[in-house]
Amino acid sequence: MANVLQSKRESSRFQILVEIAAHQPNLRQKEVAESLGVTPQAISEYIKELVADGLVTTDGRMRYSITKEGVEWLLESAAELKRYARVVMEEIISHVSVWTALAETDLAEGERVSLEMRRGLLYANKKEGIDASGITICDAKAGEDVGISDLQGLISLDEGRITVCKVPRVQIGGSRKADLNILAKELQISGGRMVGCLGIEALVALRKAGRNPDVIFGAKESAVEAAYHGISSIVVSVDEQIPSLLNRLESEGLKYELIDLTMG
């Protein structure tokens, strides 16, 4: 279980830090107390602890700000909660839920079948030597969707990797200052990787390199979701979008490589 869920104290500290981060420096302790279902005195004591631990600073006039250490603790706790939620959804709820798979051969209702994840899609078949299996809840012909219950074993899935290619913003040259040879080479070896872009400069650089992106809007979210489904991707991004993109990947614990396409 995530640490912040193991005690009321840790849960309260987490929620108060979230409130401080959202409303700093003007935090209304009474509203936080009502939200958490505790007394304003309790909130005051929690905040004193957070200040003593170096997670929050105050100017002594009921004005609070979260510190760098507080932000790091909050991010770590949030990432831990997300991992825990993913375990609940994928490993616990799966035992009582119905998953949808693509039938690779004709299947009969009530049949135990093998399950494989390929390119982000779940396939049901009759192969032997597969670790994961489930029971079909209906008849299905090859190529049809089929419901699967009573999942057992682990579905093998390698996490996708993300390659981030940085293109300079238009103020410093945009696509004209991007090394298109490096980009073209990266696209050549990308194989079946999904290609996304962030920013007009990135879109133009991709087109100059002879490739239209698979994703223009929501490229950041698509890359994260694809990685969790075992699909690697390349994201070409204007430089001003890079910090938020890398922060997102790091908070998700995803592996990435950064390639700077800016020509000197």
C-alpha atoms as a PDB file:
ATOM      1  CA  MET A   1       0.000   0.000   0.000  1.00  0.00           C
ATOM      2  CA  ALA A   2       1.149   3.564  -0.687  1.00  0.00           C
ATOM      3  CA  ASN A   3       2.705   5.215   2.373  1.00  0.00           C
ATOM      4  CA  VAL A   4       0.252   8.126   2.322  1.00  0.00           C
ATOM      5  CA  LEU A   5      -2.615   5.672   2.730  1.00  0.00           C
ATOM      6  CA  GLN A   6      -1.181   3.819   5.696  1.00  0.00           C
ATOM      7  CA  SER A   7      -2.200   6.380   8.310  1.00  0.00           C
ATOM      8  CA  LYS A   8      -4.567   9.300   8.760  1.00  0.00           C
ATOM      9  CA  ARG A   9      -1.559  11.494   9.603  1.00  0.00           C
ATOM     10  CA  GLU A  10       0.277  10.846   6.328  1.00  0.00           C
ATOM     11  CA  SER A  11      -2.919  11.182   4.316  1.00  0.00           C
ATOM     12  CA  SER A  12      -3.686  14.522   5.988  1.00  0.00           C
ATOM     13  CA  ARG A  13      -0.137  15.832   5.437  1.00  0.00           C
ATOM     14  CA  PHE A  14      -0.417  14.915   1.754  1.00  0.00           C
ATOM     15  CA  GLN A  15      -3.783  16.634   1.316  1.00  0.00           C
ATOM     16  CA  ILE A  16      -2.663  19.767   3.190  1.00  0.00           C
ATOM     17  CA  LEU A  17       0.453  20.032   1.014  1.00  0.00           C
ATOM     18  CA  VAL A  18      -1.749  19.764  -2.063  1.00  0.00           C
ATOM     19  CA  GLU A  19      -3.946  22.586  -0.732  1.00  0.00           C
ATOM     20  CA  ILE A  20      -0.918  24.772   0.052  1.00  0.00           C
ATOM     21  CA  ALA A  21       0.551  24.157  -3.409  1.00  0.00           C
ATOM     22  CA  ALA A  22      -2.790  25.024  -5.024  1.00  0.00           C
ATOM     23  CA  HIS A  23      -3.558  28.161  -3.003  1.00  0.00           C
ATOM     24  CA  GLN A  24      -0.216  29.506  -1.750  1.00  0.00           C
ATOM     25  CA  PRO A  25       0.405  31.833  -0.101  1.00  0.00           C
ATOM     26  CA  ASN A  26      -3.213  32.477   0.932  1.00  0.00           C
ATOM     27  CA  LEU A  27      -4.327  29.256   2.608  1.00  0.00           C
ATOM     28  CA  ARG A  28      -7.654  29.270   4.443  1.00  0.00           C
ATOM     29  CA  GLN A  29      -7.167  26.795   7.279  1.00  0.00           C
ATOM     30  CA  LYS A  30     -10.899  26.679   8.025  1.00  0.00           C
ATOM     31  CA  GLU A  31     -11.723  25.540   4.484  1.00  0.00           C
ATOM     32  CA  VAL A  32      -8.977  22.899   4.564  1.00  0.00           C
ATOM     33  CA  ALA A  33     -10.303  21.659   7.929  1.00  0.00           C
ATOM     34  CA  GLU A  34     -13.808  21.316   6.523  1.00  0.00           C
ATOM     35  CA  SER A  35     -12.504  19.510   3.458  1.00  0.00           C
ATOM     36  CA  LEU A  36     -10.504  16.997   5.539  1.00  0.00           C
ATOM     37  CA  GLY A  37     -13.131  16.624   8.250  1.00  0.00           C
ATOM     38  CA  VAL A  38     -10.831  17.742  11.073  1.00  0.00           C
ATOM     39  CA  THR A  39     -10.662  20.803  13.325  1.00  0.00           C
ATOM     40  CA  PRO A  40      -8.811  24.010  12.374  1.00  0.00           C
ATOM     41  CA  GLN A  41      -6.589  23.372  15.403  1.00  0.00           C
ATOM     42  CA  ALA A  42      -5.564  20.020  13.919  1.00  0.00           C
ATOM     43  CA  ILE A  43      -4.743  21.696  10.581  1.00  0.00           C
ATOM     44  CA  SER A  44      -2.636  24.261  12.445  1.00  0.00           C
ATOM     45  CA  GLU A  45      -0.675  21.466  14.152  1.00  0.00           C
ATOM     46  CA  TYR A  46      -0.136  19.621  10.863  1.00  0.00           C
ATOM     47  CA  ILE A  47       1.157  22.804   9.234  1.00  0.00           C
ATOM     48  CA  LYS A  48       3.557  23.381  12.150  1.00  0.00           C
ATOM     49  CA  GLU A  49       4.924  19.862  11.538  1.00  0.00           C
ATOM     50  CA  LEU A  50       5.300  20.518   7.801  1.00  0.00           C
ATOM     51  CA  VAL A  51       7.185  23.747   8.542  1.00  0.00           C
ATOM     52  CA  ALA A  52       9.429  21.949  11.054  1.00  0.00           C
ATOM     53  CA  ASP A  53      10.134  19.220   8.484  1.00  0.00           C
ATOM     54  CA  GLY A  54      11.160  21.806   5.895  1.00  0.00           C
ATOM     55  CA  LEU A  55       8.305  21.008   3.503  1.00  0.00           C
ATOM     56  CA  VAL A  56       6.549  24.363   4.008  1.00  0.00           C
ATOM     57  CA  THR A  57       7.727  27.912   4.748  1.00  0.00           C
ATOM     58  CA  THR A  58       5.792  30.743   6.398  1.00  0.00           C
ATOM     59  CA  ASP A  59       6.322  34.468   6.833  1.00  0.00           C
ATOM     60  CA  GLY A  60       4.658  34.366  10.249  1.00  0.00           C
ATOM     61  CA  ARG A  61       1.477  36.057   9.034  1.00  0.00           C
ATOM     62  CA  MET A  62      -0.541  32.966   8.084  1.00  0.00           C
ATOM     63  CA  ARG A  63       1.007  32.963   4.607  1.00  0.00           C
ATOM     64  CA  TYR A  64       2.426  29.599   3.568  1.00  0.00           C
ATOM     65  CA  SER A  65       4.448  28.346   0.590  1.00  0.00           C
ATOM     66  CA  ILE A  66       5.591  24.874  -0.334  1.00  0.00           C
ATOM     67  CA  THR A  67       9.379  24.376  -0.468  1.00  0.00           C
ATOM     68  CA  LYS A  68      11.432  22.523  -3.085  1.00  0.00           C
ATOM     69  CA  GLU A  69      11.614  19.582  -0.651  1.00  0.00           C
ATOM     70  CA  GLY A  70       7.845  19.772  -0.225  1.00  0.00           C
ATOM     71  CA  VAL A  71       7.304  19.633  -3.990  1.00  0.00           C
ATOM     72  CA  GLU A  72       9.628  16.617  -4.269  1.00  0.00           C
ATOM     73  CA  TRP A  73       7.813  14.802  -1.415  1.00  0.00           C
ATOM     74  CA  LEU A  74       4.457  15.597  -2.999  1.00  0.00           C
ATOM     75  CA  LEU A  75       5.575  14.320  -6.425  1.00  0.00           C
ATOM     76  CA  GLU A  76       7.024  11.128  -4.950  1.00  0.00           C
ATOM     77  CA  SER A  77       3.837  10.471  -2.971  1.00  0.00           C
ATOM     78  CA  ALA A  78       1.625  11.185  -5.988  1.00  0.00           C
ATOM     79  CA  ALA A  79       3.697   8.825  -8.161  1.00  0.00           C
ATOM     80  CA  GLU A  80       3.459   6.165  -5.436  1.00  0.00           C
ATOM     81  CA  LEU A  81      -0.325   6.570  -5.344  1.00  0.00           C
ATOM     82  CA  LYS A  82      -0.497   6.259  -9.117  1.00  0.00           C
ATOM     83  CA  ARG A  83       1.561   3.061  -9.078  1.00  0.00           C
ATOM     84  CA  TYR A  84      -0.664   1.656  -6.332  1.00  0.00           C
ATOM     85  CA  ALA A  85      -3.799   2.555  -8.300  1.00  0.00           C
ATOM     86  CA  ARG A  86      -2.358   0.833 -11.360  1.00  0.00           C
ATOM     87  CA  VAL A  87      -1.717  -2.336  -9.321  1.00  0.00           C
ATOM     88  CA  VAL A  88      -5.298  -2.240  -8.026  1.00  0.00           C
ATOM     89  CA  MET A  89      -6.716  -1.814 -11.521  1.00  0.00           C
ATOM     90  CA  GLU A  90      -4.465  -4.246 -13.346  1.00  0.00           C
ATOM     91  CA  GLU A  91      -3.728  -6.988 -10.814  1.00  0.00           C
ATOM     92  CA  ILE A  92      -6.597  -6.952  -8.304  1.00  0.00           C
ATOM     93  CA  ILE A  93      -9.702  -5.760 -10.118  1.00  0.00           C
ATOM     94  CA  SER A  94      -8.756  -7.967 -13.066  1.00  0.00           C
ATOM     95  CA  HIS A  95      -9.787 -11.019 -11.033  1.00  0.00           C
ATOM     96  CA  VAL A  96     -13.378  -9.817 -10.769  1.00  0.00           C
ATOM     97  CA  SER A  97     -13.731  -7.935 -14.047  1.00  0.00           C
ATOM     98  CA  VAL A  98     -14.143  -8.787 -17.709  1.00  0.00           C
ATOM     99  CA  TRP A  99     -11.402  -7.861 -20.152  1.00  0.00           C
ATOM    100  CA  THR A 100     -11.857  -7.572 -23.900  1.00  0.00           C
ATOM    101  CA  ALA A 101      -9.490  -9.361 -26.266  1.00  0.00           C
ATOM    102  CA  LEU A 102      -9.181 -10.041 -29.979  1.00  0.00           C
ATOM    103  CA  ALA A 103      -9.881 -13.675 -30.814  1.00  0.00           C
ATOM    104  CA  GLU A 104      -7.103 -15.104 -33.014  1.00  0.00           C
ATOM    105  CA  THR A 105      -9.054 -18.280 -33.662  1.00  0.00           C
ATOM    106  CA  ASP A 106     -12.623 -19.472 -33.200  1.00  0.00           C
ATOM    107  CA  LEU A 107     -13.390 -19.732 -29.478  1.00  0.00           C
ATOM    108  CA  ALA A 108     -16.256 -21.270 -27.531  1.00  0.00           C
ATOM    109  CA  GLU A 109     -17.929 -19.891 -24.413  1.00  0.00           C
ATOM    110  CA  GLY A 110     -16.383 -21.177 -21.171  1.00  0.00           C
ATOM    111  CA  GLU A 111     -13.101 -22.141 -22.820  1.00  0.00           C
ATOM    112  CA  ARG A 112      -9.803 -21.376 -21.060  1.00  0.00           C
ATOM    113  CA  VAL A 113      -7.590 -19.533 -23.502  1.00  0.00           C
ATOM    114  CA  SER A 114      -4.076 -18.097 -23.597  1.00  0.00           C
ATOM    115  CA  LEU A 115      -3.611 -14.330 -23.476  1.00  0.00           C
ATOM    116  CA  GLU A 116      -0.877 -12.245 -25.100  1.00  0.00           C
ATOM    117  CA  MET A 117      -0.280  -8.498 -25.359  1.00  0.00           C
ATOM    118  CA  ARG A 118       1.126  -7.349 -28.692  1.00  0.00           C
ATOM    119  CA  ARG A 119       1.423  -3.738 -29.876  1.00  0.00           C
ATOM    120  CA  GLY A 120      -0.772  -2.669 -26.997  1.00  0.00           C
ATOM    121  CA  LEU A 121      -3.654  -5.029 -27.851  1.00  0.00           C
ATOM    122  CA  LEU A 122      -4.761  -8.127 -25.928  1.00  0.00           C
ATOM    123  CA  TYR A 123      -5.097 -11.316 -27.995  1.00  0.00           C
ATOM    124  CA  ALA A 124      -6.841 -14.572 -27.041  1.00  0.00           C
ATOM    125  CA  ASN A 125      -5.659 -17.808 -28.645  1.00  0.00           C
ATOM    126  CA  LYS A 126      -5.030 -21.496 -27.953  1.00  0.00           C
ATOM    127  CA  LYS A 127      -1.227 -21.391 -27.869  1.00  0.00           C
ATOM    128  CA  GLU A 128       0.648 -23.434 -25.296  1.00  0.00           C
ATOM    129  CA  GLY A 129       3.446 -22.201 -23.078  1.00  0.00           C
ATOM    130  CA  ILE A 130       1.820 -18.800 -22.426  1.00  0.00           C
ATOM    131  CA  ASP A 131       1.853 -17.627 -18.788  1.00  0.00           C
ATOM    132  CA  ALA A 132      -1.474 -15.749 -18.796  1.00  0.00           C
ATOM    133  CA  SER A 133      -4.892 -17.251 -19.383  1.00  0.00           C
ATOM    134  CA  GLY A 134      -8.589 -16.569 -18.886  1.00  0.00           C
ATOM    135  CA  ILE A 135     -12.054 -17.959 -19.570  1.00  0.00           C
ATOM    136  CA  THR A 136     -14.195 -16.746 -22.472  1.00  0.00           C
ATOM    137  CA  ILE A 137     -17.670 -15.462 -21.561  1.00  0.00           C
ATOM    138  CA  CYS A 138     -19.114 -15.954 -25.084  1.00  0.00           C
ATOM    139  CA  ASP A 139     -18.521 -17.649 -28.427  1.00  0.00           C
ATOM    140  CA  ALA A 140     -16.311 -15.694 -30.810  1.00  0.00           C
ATOM    141  CA  LYS A 141     -15.053 -16.136 -34.346  1.00  0.00           C
ATOM    142  CA  ALA A 142     -11.462 -15.359 -35.326  1.00  0.00           C
ATOM    143  CA  GLY A 143     -11.026 -11.591 -35.528  1.00  0.00           C
ATOM    144  CA  GLU A 144     -13.970 -10.791 -33.254  1.00  0.00           C
ATOM    145  CA  ASP A 145     -13.928  -9.188 -29.826  1.00  0.00           C
ATOM    146  CA  VAL A 146     -14.323 -11.627 -26.946  1.00  0.00           C
ATOM    147  CA  GLY A 147     -14.868 -11.100 -23.228  1.00  0.00           C
ATOM    148  CA  ILE A 148     -12.381 -12.740 -20.870  1.00  0.00           C
ATOM    149  CA  SER A 149     -12.890 -13.350 -17.147  1.00  0.00           C
ATOM    150  CA  ASP A 150     -11.003 -15.195 -14.381  1.00  0.00           C
ATOM    151  CA  LEU A 151      -7.595 -13.936 -15.470  1.00  0.00           C
ATOM    152  CA  GLN A 152      -4.672 -15.982 -14.170  1.00  0.00           C
ATOM    153  CA  GLY A 153      -0.926 -15.517 -14.473  1.00  0.00           C
ATOM    154  CA  LEU A 154       1.023 -12.503 -15.700  1.00  0.00           C
ATOM    155  CA  ILE A 155       0.652 -10.971 -19.134  1.00  0.00           C
ATOM    156  CA  SER A 156       4.170 -10.402 -20.419  1.00  0.00           C
ATOM    157  CA  LEU A 157       4.680  -6.783 -21.411  1.00  0.00           C
ATOM    158  CA  ASP A 158       7.904  -4.854 -21.938  1.00  0.00           C
ATOM    159  CA  GLU A 159       7.540  -1.159 -21.156  1.00  0.00           C
ATOM    160  CA  GLY A 160       8.000   1.064 -24.190  1.00  0.00           C
ATOM    161  CA  ARG A 161      10.873   3.549 -24.428  1.00  0.00           C
ATOM    162  CA  ILE A 162      10.470   7.176 -25.472  1.00  0.00           C
ATOM    163  CA  THR A 163      12.930   9.134 -27.592  1.00  0.00           C
ATOM    164  CA  VAL A 164      12.563  12.913 -27.299  1.00  0.00           C
ATOM    165  CA  CYS A 165      14.013  15.046 -30.096  1.00  0.00           C
ATOM    166  CA  LYS A 166      14.408  18.756 -29.295  1.00  0.00           C
ATOM    167  CA  VAL A 167      13.818  21.367 -32.008  1.00  0.00           C
ATOM    168  CA  PRO A 168      14.699  25.044 -31.374  1.00  0.00           C
ATOM    169  CA  ARG A 169      11.844  27.554 -31.119  1.00  0.00           C
ATOM    170  CA  VAL A 170      11.186  29.824 -34.071  1.00  0.00           C
ATOM    171  CA  GLN A 171      12.867  32.818 -32.349  1.00  0.00           C
ATOM    172  CA  ILE A 172      16.205  31.057 -32.668  1.00  0.00           C
ATOM    173  CA  GLY A 173      15.675  29.471 -36.070  1.00  0.00           C
ATOM    174  CA  GLY A 174      12.952  26.871 -35.598  1.00  0.00           C
ATOM    175  CA  SER A 175      13.028  23.995 -38.101  1.00  0.00           C
ATOM    176  CA  ARG A 176      15.727  25.823 -40.121  1.00  0.00           C
ATOM    177  CA  LYS A 177      18.148  25.315 -37.234  1.00  0.00           C
ATOM    178  CA  ALA A 178      17.214  21.658 -36.646  1.00  0.00           C
ATOM    179  CA  ASP A 179      19.596  18.943 -37.796  1.00  0.00           C
ATOM    180  CA  LEU A 180      17.255  17.121 -40.165  1.00  0.00           C
ATOM    181  CA  ASN A 181      19.867  14.453 -40.973  1.00  0.00           C
ATOM    182  CA  ILE A 182      19.915  13.289 -37.350  1.00  0.00           C
ATOM    183  CA  LEU A 183      16.107  13.415 -37.244  1.00  0.00           C
ATOM    184  CA  ALA A 184      15.771  11.452 -40.491  1.00  0.00           C
ATOM    185  CA  LYS A 185      18.214   8.832 -39.224  1.00  0.00           C
ATOM    186  CA  GLU A 186      16.285   8.525 -35.956  1.00  0.00           C
ATOM    187  CA  LEU A 187      13.035   8.112 -37.869  1.00  0.00           C
ATOM    188  CA  GLN A 188      14.641   5.471 -40.085  1.00  0.00           C
ATOM    189  CA  ILE A 189      15.651   3.311 -37.150  1.00  0.00           C
ATOM    190  CA  SER A 190      12.376   3.979 -35.334  1.00  0.00           C
ATOM    191  CA  GLY A 191      10.812   0.838 -36.789  1.00  0.00           C
ATOM    192  CA  GLY A 192       7.263   0.524 -35.536  1.00  0.00           C
ATOM    193  CA  ARG A 193       7.525   3.383 -33.058  1.00  0.00           C
ATOM    194  CA  MET A 194       4.701   5.868 -32.815  1.00  0.00           C
ATOM    195  CA  VAL A 195       5.691   9.401 -33.843  1.00  0.00           C
ATOM    196  CA  GLY A 196       4.251  12.475 -32.139  1.00  0.00           C
ATOM    197  CA  CYS A 197       5.079  16.165 -32.149  1.00  0.00           C
ATOM    198  CA  LEU A 198       4.733  19.160 -29.871  1.00  0.00           C
ATOM    199  CA  GLY A 199       4.755  22.578 -31.541  1.00  0.00           C
ATOM    200  CA  ILE A 200       4.622  23.907 -35.109  1.00  0.00           C
ATOM    201  CA  GLU A 201       8.433  23.944 -35.315  1.00  0.00           C
ATOM    202  CA  ALA A 202       8.475  20.215 -34.524  1.00  0.00           C
ATOM    203  CA  LEU A 203       5.737  19.496 -37.074  1.00  0.00           C
ATOM    204  CA  VAL A 204       7.615  21.329 -39.846  1.00  0.00           C
ATOM    205  CA  ALA A 205      10.898  19.593 -38.935  1.00  0.00           C
ATOM    206  CA  LEU A 206       9.179  16.217 -39.198  1.00  0.00           C
ATOM    207  CA  ARG A 207       7.669  17.072 -42.563  1.00  0.00           C
ATOM    208  CA  LYS A 208      11.035  18.261 -43.866  1.00  0.00           C
ATOM    209  CA  ALA A 209      12.474  14.919 -42.750  1.00  0.00           C
ATOM    210  CA  GLY A 210       9.787  13.172 -44.811  1.00  0.00           C
ATOM    211  CA  ARG A 211       7.485  11.999 -42.014  1.00  0.00           C
ATOM    212  CA  ASN A 212       4.054  13.144 -40.938  1.00  0.00           C
ATOM    213  CA  PRO A 213       3.390  12.564 -37.208  1.00  0.00           C
ATOM    214  CA  ASP A 214       0.919   9.962 -36.014  1.00  0.00           C
ATOM    215  CA  VAL A 215      -0.147  12.289 -33.197  1.00  0.00           C
ATOM    216  CA  ILE A 216      -0.185  16.089 -33.133  1.00  0.00           C
ATOM    217  CA  PHE A 217      -2.617  16.877 -30.344  1.00  0.00           C
ATOM    218  CA  GLY A 218      -2.091  15.034 -27.063  1.00  0.00           C
ATOM    219  CA  ALA A 219       1.316  13.682 -28.100  1.00  0.00           C
ATOM    220  CA  LYS A 220       2.554  13.762 -24.490  1.00  0.00           C
ATOM    221  CA  GLU A 221      -0.346  11.679 -23.158  1.00  0.00           C
ATOM    222  CA  SER A 222      -0.192   9.322 -26.145  1.00  0.00           C
ATOM    223  CA  ALA A 223       3.497   8.632 -25.549  1.00  0.00           C
ATOM    224  CA  VAL A 224       2.874   7.844 -21.864  1.00  0.00           C
ATOM    225  CA  GLU A 225      -0.073   5.544 -22.557  1.00  0.00           C
ATOM    226  CA  ALA A 226       1.760   3.841 -25.429  1.00  0.00           C
ATOM    227  CA  ALA A 227       4.766   3.152 -23.180  1.00  0.00           C
ATOM    228  CA  TYR A 228       2.528   1.527 -20.566  1.00  0.00           C
ATOM    229  CA  HIS A 229       1.145  -0.716 -23.324  1.00  0.00           C
ATOM    230  CA  GLY A 230       4.603  -1.757 -24.476  1.00  0.00           C
ATOM    231  CA  ILE A 231       4.811   0.577 -27.487  1.00  0.00           C
ATOM    232  CA  SER A 232       7.896   2.752 -27.956  1.00  0.00           C
ATOM    233  CA  SER A 233       7.587   6.204 -29.463  1.00  0.00           C
ATOM    234  CA  ILE A 234       9.525   9.205 -30.683  1.00  0.00           C
ATOM    235  CA  VAL A 235       8.324  12.677 -29.706  1.00  0.00           C
ATOM    236  CA  VAL A 236       9.701  15.654 -31.634  1.00  0.00           C
ATOM    237  CA  SER A 237       9.191  18.732 -29.491  1.00  0.00           C
ATOM    238  CA  VAL A 238       9.922  22.450 -29.606  1.00  0.00           C
ATOM    239  CA  ASP A 239      12.456  23.277 -26.884  1.00  0.00           C
ATOM    240  CA  GLU A 240      10.049  25.259 -24.676  1.00  0.00           C
ATOM    241  CA  GLN A 241       7.862  22.166 -24.243  1.00  0.00           C
ATOM    242  CA  ILE A 242      10.767  19.916 -23.236  1.00  0.00           C
ATOM    243  CA  PRO A 243      10.849  20.630 -19.447  1.00  0.00           C
ATOM    244  CA  SER A 244       7.167  19.796 -18.878  1.00  0.00           C
ATOM    245  CA  LEU A 245       7.448  16.719 -21.118  1.00  0.00           C
ATOM    246  CA  LEU A 246      10.484  15.364 -19.256  1.00  0.00           C
ATOM    247  CA  ASN A 247       8.904  16.127 -15.872  1.00  0.00           C
ATOM    248  CA  ARG A 248       5.883  14.087 -16.904  1.00  0.00           C
ATOM    249  CA  LEU A 249       7.992  11.144 -18.081  1.00  0.00           C
ATOM    250  CA  GLU A 250      10.092  11.192 -14.903  1.00  0.00           C
ATOM    251  CA  SER A 251       7.021  11.390 -12.666  1.00  0.00           C
ATOM    252  CA  GLU A 252       5.670   8.319 -14.464  1.00  0.00           C
ATOM    253  CA  GLY A 253       8.989   6.520 -14.036  1.00  0.00           C
ATOM    254  CA  LEU A 254       9.328   5.993 -17.810  1.00  0.00           C
ATOM    255  CA  LYS A 255      12.625   5.500 -19.627  1.00  0.00           C
ATOM    256  CA  TYR A 256      13.550   8.110 -22.216  1.00  0.00           C
ATOM    257  CA  GLU A 257      16.424   9.417 -24.328  1.00  0.00           C
ATOM    258  CA  LEU A 258      16.847  13.101 -25.183  1.00  0.00           C
ATOM    259  CA  ILE A 259      18.383  14.103 -28.538  1.00  0.00           C
ATOM    260  CA  ASP A 260      19.119  17.785 -29.166  1.00  0.00           C
ATOM    261  CA  LEU A 261      18.609  18.575 -32.863  1.00  0.00           C
ATOM    262  CA  THR A 262      19.745  22.210 -32.517  1.00  0.00           C
ATOM    263  CA  MET A 263      22.566  23.046 -34.893  1.00  0.00           C
ATOM    264  CA  GLY A 264      25.348  25.248 -33.596  1.00  0.00           C
END
